[in-house]
Amino acid sequence: MDTIQGSEIVSAARGTMVAVDDLARPDDTRVSDADRRAVQDRLQWAHGEGLLDLNEFDVRTRAVWDSKTRGELARLTGDLPARPRHPGRRRVFSDTGGGTAMRVLTIVFGSIAAVNLIVWGLVVLTIGGWVYPWWVWTVAPPGAVLGVLYLSGIGRPDRD
């Protein structure tokens, strides 16, 4: 039976001492499928930027999925520049089905609201006087529904 004393492990069978720090170096740590997927995404980005040709991308991607440790993964991307971080726009909708649905509904809602507002404005201009703003009834109820759905979390992106 092995026991831990301070920063060392003592093996009862052999009476030897091994430093805990020597057991798992970061490069020897096993990787998960999520780690492999992240490296594959980086390789895909590099291929899209023209840093890797298709053959090299294919070879490295196969090696990614054959990798067992962090060190093996690091060697596959060691010659690639860091992926630039673009501040970009903050996403309004997520990439999930709910986000897609909310995006489509918002575009349809905005289009209908714009058409009704323009028609109302043209009627006001051609009559030459004030007309009841009926377009509000085509904007307020569906806008309220979309607002409640969004505030309840449907289609919103995760906060980083």
N, C-alpha and C. Protein backbone atom coordinates (compact mmCIF):
# COMPACT_ATOMS: atom_id res chain seq x y z
N MET A 1 0.85 -1.19 0.00
CA MET A 1 0.00 0.00 0.00
C MET A 1 0.88 1.23 0.00
N ASP A 2 0.52 2.20 -0.81
CA ASP A 2 1.28 3.44 -0.91
C ASP A 2 0.72 4.46 0.08
N THR A 3 1.60 5.22 0.70
CA THR A 3 1.17 6.29 1.60
C THR A 3 1.81 7.59 1.15
N ILE A 4 1.14 8.70 1.46
CA ILE A 4 1.66 10.01 1.10
C ILE A 4 2.25 10.65 2.34
N GLN A 5 3.51 11.08 2.26
CA GLN A 5 4.17 11.79 3.34
C GLN A 5 4.68 13.11 2.77
N GLY A 6 4.05 14.20 3.15
CA GLY A 6 4.45 15.50 2.62
C GLY A 6 4.21 15.54 1.13
N SER A 7 5.27 15.76 0.36
CA SER A 7 5.13 15.83 -1.09
C SER A 7 5.69 14.58 -1.75
N GLU A 8 5.76 13.47 -0.97
CA GLU A 8 6.30 12.23 -1.52
C GLU A 8 5.36 11.07 -1.26
N ILE A 9 5.42 10.07 -2.14
CA ILE A 9 4.65 8.84 -1.95
C ILE A 9 5.65 7.75 -1.59
N VAL A 10 5.34 7.03 -0.52
CA VAL A 10 6.21 5.93 -0.10
C VAL A 10 5.52 4.63 -0.48
N SER A 11 6.18 3.82 -1.25
CA SER A 11 5.64 2.53 -1.66
C SER A 11 6.04 1.50 -0.62
N ALA A 12 5.06 0.89 0.02
CA ALA A 12 5.32 -0.10 1.05
C ALA A 12 5.95 -1.36 0.47
N ALA A 13 5.61 -1.69 -0.76
CA ALA A 13 6.13 -2.91 -1.37
C ALA A 13 7.63 -2.80 -1.64
N ARG A 14 8.09 -1.64 -2.07
CA ARG A 14 9.50 -1.50 -2.43
C ARG A 14 10.25 -0.61 -1.46
N GLY A 15 9.56 0.12 -0.62
CA GLY A 15 10.21 1.02 0.31
C GLY A 15 10.88 2.20 -0.39
N THR A 16 10.44 2.52 -1.61
CA THR A 16 11.02 3.63 -2.35
C THR A 16 10.15 4.86 -2.22
N MET A 17 10.77 6.00 -2.42
CA MET A 17 10.03 7.26 -2.34
C MET A 17 10.03 7.92 -3.71
N VAL A 18 8.85 8.37 -4.12
CA VAL A 18 8.69 9.06 -5.40
C VAL A 18 8.03 10.40 -5.13
N ALA A 19 8.59 11.46 -5.66
CA ALA A 19 8.01 12.79 -5.47
C ALA A 19 6.67 12.88 -6.19
N VAL A 20 5.68 13.47 -5.54
CA VAL A 20 4.36 13.62 -6.12
C VAL A 20 4.44 14.45 -7.40
N ASP A 21 5.32 15.45 -7.42
CA ASP A 21 5.46 16.32 -8.59
C ASP A 21 5.89 15.54 -9.82
N ASP A 22 6.57 14.42 -9.64
CA ASP A 22 7.05 13.63 -10.77
C ASP A 22 5.98 12.72 -11.36
N LEU A 23 4.86 12.58 -10.69
CA LEU A 23 3.85 11.64 -11.15
C LEU A 23 3.12 12.10 -12.41
N ALA A 24 2.71 13.35 -12.44
CA ALA A 24 1.91 13.81 -13.59
C ALA A 24 2.38 15.18 -14.03
N ARG A 25 3.29 15.21 -14.96
CA ARG A 25 3.69 16.49 -15.54
C ARG A 25 2.55 16.96 -16.44
N PRO A 26 2.41 18.26 -16.61
CA PRO A 26 1.30 18.76 -17.43
C PRO A 26 1.26 18.17 -18.84
N ASP A 27 2.44 17.97 -19.45
CA ASP A 27 2.47 17.42 -20.80
C ASP A 27 2.02 15.97 -20.85
N ASP A 28 2.09 15.28 -19.71
CA ASP A 28 1.71 13.87 -19.67
C ASP A 28 0.27 13.66 -19.23
N THR A 29 -0.44 14.74 -18.98
CA THR A 29 -1.84 14.64 -18.54
C THR A 29 -2.70 14.18 -19.71
N ARG A 30 -3.59 13.25 -19.43
CA ARG A 30 -4.49 12.73 -20.46
C ARG A 30 -5.45 13.83 -20.91
N VAL A 31 -5.89 13.72 -22.16
CA VAL A 31 -6.81 14.71 -22.72
C VAL A 31 -8.18 14.10 -22.95
N SER A 32 -9.17 14.96 -22.96
CA SER A 32 -10.55 14.53 -23.21
C SER A 32 -10.93 14.81 -24.65
N ASP A 33 -12.09 14.33 -25.04
CA ASP A 33 -12.59 14.63 -26.38
C ASP A 33 -12.82 16.13 -26.57
N ALA A 34 -13.21 16.82 -25.50
CA ALA A 34 -13.41 18.27 -25.60
C ALA A 34 -12.08 18.97 -25.89
N ASP A 35 -10.99 18.51 -25.28
CA ASP A 35 -9.67 19.07 -25.57
C ASP A 35 -9.30 18.82 -27.03
N ARG A 36 -9.55 17.61 -27.49
CA ARG A 36 -9.23 17.27 -28.88
C ARG A 36 -10.06 18.12 -29.84
N ARG A 37 -11.33 18.34 -29.51
CA ARG A 37 -12.21 19.14 -30.36
C ARG A 37 -11.71 20.59 -30.44
N ALA A 38 -11.23 21.12 -29.32
CA ALA A 38 -10.71 22.49 -29.31
C ALA A 38 -9.47 22.62 -30.20
N VAL A 39 -8.60 21.61 -30.15
CA VAL A 39 -7.40 21.64 -31.01
C VAL A 39 -7.81 21.48 -32.47
N GLN A 40 -8.79 20.63 -32.73
CA GLN A 40 -9.27 20.46 -34.10
C GLN A 40 -9.85 21.77 -34.62
N ASP A 41 -10.59 22.50 -33.78
CA ASP A 41 -11.13 23.80 -34.18
C ASP A 41 -10.01 24.78 -34.51
N ARG A 42 -8.93 24.74 -33.73
CA ARG A 42 -7.80 25.62 -34.01
C ARG A 42 -7.14 25.26 -35.34
N LEU A 43 -7.02 23.96 -35.61
CA LEU A 43 -6.45 23.52 -36.89
C LEU A 43 -7.36 23.93 -38.05
N GLN A 44 -8.66 23.84 -37.82
CA GLN A 44 -9.61 24.24 -38.87
C GLN A 44 -9.50 25.74 -39.14
N TRP A 45 -9.33 26.53 -38.09
CA TRP A 45 -9.12 27.96 -38.26
C TRP A 45 -7.85 28.20 -39.07
N ALA A 46 -6.76 27.49 -38.70
CA ALA A 46 -5.48 27.67 -39.40
C ALA A 46 -5.61 27.28 -40.87
N HIS A 47 -6.36 26.24 -41.15
CA HIS A 47 -6.59 25.84 -42.54
C HIS A 47 -7.38 26.93 -43.28
N GLY A 48 -8.39 27.47 -42.63
CA GLY A 48 -9.18 28.54 -43.23
C GLY A 48 -8.37 29.79 -43.49
N GLU A 49 -7.35 30.04 -42.67
CA GLU A 49 -6.48 31.21 -42.84
C GLU A 49 -5.38 30.95 -43.86
N GLY A 50 -5.28 29.71 -44.36
CA GLY A 50 -4.26 29.39 -45.34
C GLY A 50 -2.92 29.01 -44.73
N LEU A 51 -2.89 28.76 -43.43
CA LEU A 51 -1.65 28.38 -42.76
C LEU A 51 -1.33 26.90 -42.97
N LEU A 52 -2.35 26.10 -43.21
CA LEU A 52 -2.18 24.67 -43.45
C LEU A 52 -2.86 24.31 -44.76
N ASP A 53 -2.21 23.47 -45.56
CA ASP A 53 -2.90 22.99 -46.76
C ASP A 53 -3.81 21.83 -46.34
N LEU A 54 -4.62 21.37 -47.26
CA LEU A 54 -5.61 20.35 -46.93
C LEU A 54 -4.97 19.06 -46.45
N ASN A 55 -3.87 18.67 -47.09
CA ASN A 55 -3.21 17.42 -46.70
C ASN A 55 -2.66 17.52 -45.28
N GLU A 56 -1.99 18.64 -44.97
CA GLU A 56 -1.43 18.80 -43.63
C GLU A 56 -2.54 18.90 -42.58
N PHE A 57 -3.62 19.58 -42.93
CA PHE A 57 -4.77 19.66 -42.02
C PHE A 57 -5.31 18.25 -41.73
N ASP A 58 -5.43 17.43 -42.77
CA ASP A 58 -5.93 16.07 -42.60
C ASP A 58 -5.01 15.24 -41.72
N VAL A 59 -3.72 15.32 -41.96
CA VAL A 59 -2.75 14.55 -41.17
C VAL A 59 -2.80 14.98 -39.71
N ARG A 60 -2.81 16.28 -39.48
CA ARG A 60 -2.82 16.77 -38.09
C ARG A 60 -4.13 16.44 -37.39
N THR A 61 -5.24 16.53 -38.11
CA THR A 61 -6.53 16.21 -37.49
C THR A 61 -6.58 14.74 -37.07
N ARG A 62 -6.06 13.86 -37.91
CA ARG A 62 -6.00 12.44 -37.51
C ARG A 62 -5.13 12.26 -36.28
N ALA A 63 -4.02 12.98 -36.25
CA ALA A 63 -3.12 12.89 -35.10
C ALA A 63 -3.78 13.43 -33.83
N VAL A 64 -4.63 14.45 -33.98
CA VAL A 64 -5.35 14.99 -32.82
C VAL A 64 -6.18 13.90 -32.17
N TRP A 65 -6.91 13.16 -32.96
CA TRP A 65 -7.81 12.15 -32.42
C TRP A 65 -7.07 10.90 -31.96
N ASP A 66 -5.80 10.76 -32.35
CA ASP A 66 -4.97 9.66 -31.86
C ASP A 66 -4.20 10.07 -30.60
N SER A 67 -4.18 11.37 -30.28
CA SER A 67 -3.41 11.88 -29.14
C SER A 67 -4.01 11.41 -27.82
N LYS A 68 -3.10 11.18 -26.89
CA LYS A 68 -3.51 10.75 -25.55
C LYS A 68 -3.18 11.80 -24.48
N THR A 69 -2.16 12.65 -24.74
CA THR A 69 -1.70 13.60 -23.72
C THR A 69 -1.70 15.03 -24.24
N ARG A 70 -1.62 15.97 -23.30
CA ARG A 70 -1.58 17.39 -23.65
C ARG A 70 -0.32 17.73 -24.44
N GLY A 71 0.77 17.07 -24.12
CA GLY A 71 2.01 17.31 -24.84
C GLY A 71 1.89 16.96 -26.32
N GLU A 72 1.23 15.85 -26.61
CA GLU A 72 1.03 15.45 -28.01
C GLU A 72 0.19 16.49 -28.74
N LEU A 73 -0.86 17.00 -28.08
CA LEU A 73 -1.70 18.03 -28.70
C LEU A 73 -0.92 19.32 -28.91
N ALA A 74 -0.09 19.68 -27.93
CA ALA A 74 0.68 20.93 -28.04
C ALA A 74 1.65 20.87 -29.21
N ARG A 75 2.23 19.71 -29.47
CA ARG A 75 3.16 19.58 -30.59
C ARG A 75 2.45 19.76 -31.94
N LEU A 76 1.17 19.45 -32.00
CA LEU A 76 0.43 19.57 -33.26
C LEU A 76 0.11 21.01 -33.63
N THR A 77 0.10 21.89 -32.64
CA THR A 77 -0.22 23.30 -32.90
C THR A 77 0.92 24.23 -32.52
N GLY A 78 2.07 23.68 -32.16
CA GLY A 78 3.20 24.49 -31.69
C GLY A 78 3.72 25.48 -32.71
N ASP A 79 3.59 25.17 -34.00
CA ASP A 79 4.12 26.07 -35.03
C ASP A 79 3.06 27.04 -35.56
N LEU A 80 1.88 27.02 -34.97
CA LEU A 80 0.80 27.91 -35.44
C LEU A 80 0.72 29.16 -34.57
N PRO A 81 0.41 30.30 -35.16
CA PRO A 81 0.25 31.51 -34.34
C PRO A 81 -1.01 31.40 -33.49
N ALA A 82 -1.04 32.19 -32.44
CA ALA A 82 -2.23 32.21 -31.59
C ALA A 82 -3.40 32.75 -32.39
N ARG A 83 -4.55 32.20 -32.12
CA ARG A 83 -5.76 32.65 -32.80
C ARG A 83 -6.11 34.04 -32.29
N PRO A 84 -6.25 35.03 -33.19
CA PRO A 84 -6.53 36.39 -32.72
C PRO A 84 -7.91 36.48 -32.07
N ARG A 85 -7.96 37.27 -31.03
CA ARG A 85 -9.24 37.47 -30.35
C ARG A 85 -9.86 38.76 -30.90
N HIS A 86 -10.98 38.60 -31.55
CA HIS A 86 -11.69 39.76 -32.08
C HIS A 86 -12.73 40.17 -31.06
N PRO A 87 -12.69 41.42 -30.64
CA PRO A 87 -13.71 41.83 -29.69
C PRO A 87 -15.09 41.68 -30.30
N GLY A 88 -15.20 42.03 -31.59
CA GLY A 88 -16.45 41.82 -32.33
C GLY A 88 -17.68 42.32 -31.60
N ARG A 89 -18.76 42.06 -32.25
CA ARG A 89 -20.05 42.43 -31.65
C ARG A 89 -20.47 41.35 -30.66
N ARG A 90 -21.18 41.78 -29.67
CA ARG A 90 -21.75 40.82 -28.73
C ARG A 90 -22.94 40.16 -29.42
N ARG A 91 -22.98 38.85 -29.34
CA ARG A 91 -24.08 38.13 -29.99
C ARG A 91 -25.39 38.40 -29.27
N VAL A 92 -26.45 38.55 -30.04
CA VAL A 92 -27.77 38.79 -29.48
C VAL A 92 -28.49 37.46 -29.28
N PHE A 93 -28.33 36.55 -30.24
CA PHE A 93 -29.00 35.25 -30.18
C PHE A 93 -27.96 34.13 -30.16
N SER A 94 -28.32 33.03 -29.52
CA SER A 94 -27.42 31.88 -29.46
C SER A 94 -27.48 31.11 -30.78
N ASP A 95 -26.60 30.11 -30.91
CA ASP A 95 -26.56 29.28 -32.11
C ASP A 95 -27.46 28.05 -31.97
N THR A 96 -28.26 28.00 -30.94
CA THR A 96 -29.16 26.87 -30.71
C THR A 96 -30.43 27.02 -31.55
N GLY A 97 -31.29 26.03 -31.48
CA GLY A 97 -32.58 26.11 -32.18
C GLY A 97 -33.43 27.26 -31.69
N GLY A 98 -33.40 27.51 -30.38
CA GLY A 98 -34.16 28.63 -29.82
C GLY A 98 -33.64 29.96 -30.33
N GLY A 99 -32.32 30.08 -30.46
CA GLY A 99 -31.73 31.30 -30.98
C GLY A 99 -32.10 31.54 -32.44
N THR A 100 -32.09 30.45 -33.22
CA THR A 100 -32.48 30.56 -34.63
C THR A 100 -33.93 30.97 -34.75
N ALA A 101 -34.80 30.35 -33.94
CA ALA A 101 -36.22 30.69 -33.97
C ALA A 101 -36.44 32.15 -33.59
N MET A 102 -35.77 32.60 -32.54
CA MET A 102 -35.92 33.99 -32.12
C MET A 102 -35.39 34.96 -33.18
N ARG A 103 -34.30 34.59 -33.84
CA ARG A 103 -33.75 35.44 -34.91
C ARG A 103 -34.77 35.58 -36.04
N VAL A 104 -35.35 34.46 -36.46
CA VAL A 104 -36.32 34.49 -37.56
C VAL A 104 -37.57 35.28 -37.14
N LEU A 105 -38.08 35.01 -35.95
CA LEU A 105 -39.28 35.72 -35.48
C LEU A 105 -39.02 37.23 -35.38
N THR A 106 -37.84 37.60 -34.94
CA THR A 106 -37.51 39.02 -34.82
C THR A 106 -37.43 39.69 -36.18
N ILE A 107 -36.87 38.99 -37.16
CA ILE A 107 -36.80 39.55 -38.52
C ILE A 107 -38.20 39.71 -39.10
N VAL A 108 -39.05 38.70 -38.91
CA VAL A 108 -40.43 38.78 -39.40
C VAL A 108 -41.17 39.91 -38.69
N PHE A 109 -41.02 39.99 -37.37
CA PHE A 109 -41.67 41.04 -36.59
C PHE A 109 -41.21 42.43 -37.05
N GLY A 110 -39.91 42.60 -37.21
CA GLY A 110 -39.38 43.89 -37.65
C GLY A 110 -39.88 44.28 -39.02
N SER A 111 -39.97 43.31 -39.91
CA SER A 111 -40.46 43.59 -41.27
C SER A 111 -41.91 44.02 -41.25
N ILE A 112 -42.75 43.29 -40.52
CA ILE A 112 -44.18 43.63 -40.44
C ILE A 112 -44.36 45.01 -39.78
N ALA A 113 -43.60 45.27 -38.72
CA ALA A 113 -43.70 46.57 -38.04
C ALA A 113 -43.28 47.70 -38.97
N ALA A 114 -42.21 47.51 -39.71
CA ALA A 114 -41.73 48.56 -40.63
C ALA A 114 -42.74 48.83 -41.73
N VAL A 115 -43.30 47.77 -42.32
CA VAL A 115 -44.28 47.95 -43.39
C VAL A 115 -45.50 48.70 -42.88
N ASN A 116 -46.00 48.33 -41.70
CA ASN A 116 -47.18 48.99 -41.14
C ASN A 116 -46.90 50.45 -40.81
N LEU A 117 -45.72 50.73 -40.28
CA LEU A 117 -45.36 52.11 -39.97
C LEU A 117 -45.25 52.95 -41.23
N ILE A 118 -44.65 52.40 -42.29
CA ILE A 118 -44.52 53.13 -43.56
C ILE A 118 -45.89 53.37 -44.19
N VAL A 119 -46.76 52.37 -44.17
CA VAL A 119 -48.11 52.55 -44.74
C VAL A 119 -48.86 53.62 -43.95
N TRP A 120 -48.78 53.58 -42.63
CA TRP A 120 -49.45 54.58 -41.81
C TRP A 120 -48.89 55.98 -42.14
N GLY A 121 -47.54 56.08 -42.26
CA GLY A 121 -46.94 57.38 -42.60
C GLY A 121 -47.39 57.89 -43.96
N LEU A 122 -47.50 56.99 -44.95
CA LEU A 122 -47.98 57.39 -46.27
C LEU A 122 -49.43 57.85 -46.23
N VAL A 123 -50.24 57.16 -45.43
CA VAL A 123 -51.65 57.57 -45.29
C VAL A 123 -51.72 58.96 -44.66
N VAL A 124 -50.94 59.21 -43.62
CA VAL A 124 -50.93 60.52 -42.96
C VAL A 124 -50.50 61.60 -43.95
N LEU A 125 -49.47 61.32 -44.77
CA LEU A 125 -48.99 62.32 -45.74
C LEU A 125 -49.99 62.58 -46.85
N THR A 126 -50.67 61.53 -47.33
CA THR A 126 -51.59 61.72 -48.46
C THR A 126 -52.90 62.36 -48.02
N ILE A 127 -53.34 62.08 -46.82
CA ILE A 127 -54.59 62.68 -46.32
C ILE A 127 -54.33 64.12 -45.91
N GLY A 128 -53.13 64.36 -45.40
CA GLY A 128 -52.79 65.71 -44.98
C GLY A 128 -53.23 66.00 -43.57
N GLY A 129 -53.57 65.01 -42.81
CA GLY A 129 -53.98 65.21 -41.42
C GLY A 129 -53.63 64.00 -40.59
N TRP A 130 -53.91 64.13 -39.31
CA TRP A 130 -53.60 63.07 -38.36
C TRP A 130 -54.56 61.90 -38.51
N VAL A 131 -54.01 60.68 -38.50
CA VAL A 131 -54.78 59.45 -38.56
C VAL A 131 -54.43 58.62 -37.33
N TYR A 132 -55.43 57.94 -36.79
CA TYR A 132 -55.20 57.10 -35.62
C TYR A 132 -54.01 56.17 -35.88
N PRO A 133 -53.04 56.07 -34.96
CA PRO A 133 -51.84 55.25 -35.16
C PRO A 133 -52.12 53.75 -34.97
N TRP A 134 -52.85 53.19 -35.90
CA TRP A 134 -53.22 51.77 -35.81
C TRP A 134 -52.02 50.84 -35.88
N TRP A 135 -50.90 51.31 -36.42
CA TRP A 135 -49.72 50.45 -36.54
C TRP A 135 -49.19 50.01 -35.18
N VAL A 136 -49.53 50.78 -34.11
CA VAL A 136 -49.08 50.40 -32.76
C VAL A 136 -49.62 49.03 -32.39
N TRP A 137 -50.83 48.68 -32.85
CA TRP A 137 -51.43 47.39 -32.51
C TRP A 137 -50.76 46.24 -33.26
N THR A 138 -50.06 46.54 -34.32
CA THR A 138 -49.31 45.47 -35.00
C THR A 138 -47.91 45.33 -34.43
N VAL A 139 -47.47 46.31 -33.63
CA VAL A 139 -46.12 46.29 -33.06
C VAL A 139 -46.13 45.87 -31.59
N ALA A 140 -47.01 46.43 -30.79
CA ALA A 140 -46.96 46.23 -29.34
C ALA A 140 -47.18 44.78 -28.90
N PRO A 141 -48.27 44.10 -29.30
CA PRO A 141 -48.46 42.73 -28.80
C PRO A 141 -47.37 41.74 -29.22
N PRO A 142 -47.02 41.65 -30.52
CA PRO A 142 -45.96 40.71 -30.85
C PRO A 142 -44.61 41.12 -30.27
N GLY A 143 -44.36 42.43 -30.15
CA GLY A 143 -43.12 42.90 -29.54
C GLY A 143 -43.04 42.51 -28.08
N ALA A 144 -44.17 42.59 -27.38
CA ALA A 144 -44.20 42.18 -25.97
C ALA A 144 -43.94 40.68 -25.83
N VAL A 145 -44.53 39.88 -26.71
CA VAL A 145 -44.31 38.43 -26.67
C VAL A 145 -42.84 38.10 -26.91
N LEU A 146 -42.24 38.70 -27.94
CA LEU A 146 -40.82 38.47 -28.22
C LEU A 146 -39.96 38.91 -27.04
N GLY A 147 -40.30 40.03 -26.43
CA GLY A 147 -39.54 40.52 -25.28
C GLY A 147 -39.60 39.56 -24.11
N VAL A 148 -40.79 39.05 -23.82
CA VAL A 148 -40.94 38.10 -22.70
C VAL A 148 -40.17 36.81 -22.99
N LEU A 149 -40.25 36.31 -24.22
CA LEU A 149 -39.50 35.10 -24.57
C LEU A 149 -38.00 35.31 -24.41
N TYR A 150 -37.51 36.43 -24.88
CA TYR A 150 -36.08 36.71 -24.79
C TYR A 150 -35.64 36.89 -23.34
N LEU A 151 -36.41 37.63 -22.57
CA LEU A 151 -36.06 37.84 -21.17
C LEU A 151 -36.12 36.55 -20.35
N SER A 152 -36.96 35.59 -20.79
CA SER A 152 -37.02 34.31 -20.07
C SER A 152 -35.87 33.39 -20.46
N GLY A 153 -35.04 33.81 -21.42
CA GLY A 153 -33.84 33.06 -21.76
C GLY A 153 -33.88 32.30 -23.05
N ILE A 154 -35.00 32.32 -23.74
CA ILE A 154 -35.10 31.57 -24.99
C ILE A 154 -34.28 32.28 -26.07
N GLY A 155 -33.31 31.58 -26.61
CA GLY A 155 -32.50 32.11 -27.69
C GLY A 155 -31.38 33.03 -27.29
N ARG A 156 -31.22 33.29 -25.98
CA ARG A 156 -30.14 34.18 -25.54
C ARG A 156 -28.83 33.42 -25.49
N PRO A 157 -27.73 34.08 -25.85
CA PRO A 157 -26.42 33.40 -25.78
C PRO A 157 -25.97 33.29 -24.33
N ASP A 158 -25.11 32.31 -24.08
CA ASP A 158 -24.54 32.17 -22.74
C ASP A 158 -23.60 33.33 -22.47
N ARG A 159 -23.58 33.77 -21.25
CA ARG A 159 -22.68 34.87 -20.89
C ARG A 159 -21.32 34.26 -20.59
N ASP A 160 -20.29 34.88 -21.18
CA ASP A 160 -18.93 34.37 -20.99
C ASP A 160 -18.28 34.98 -19.78
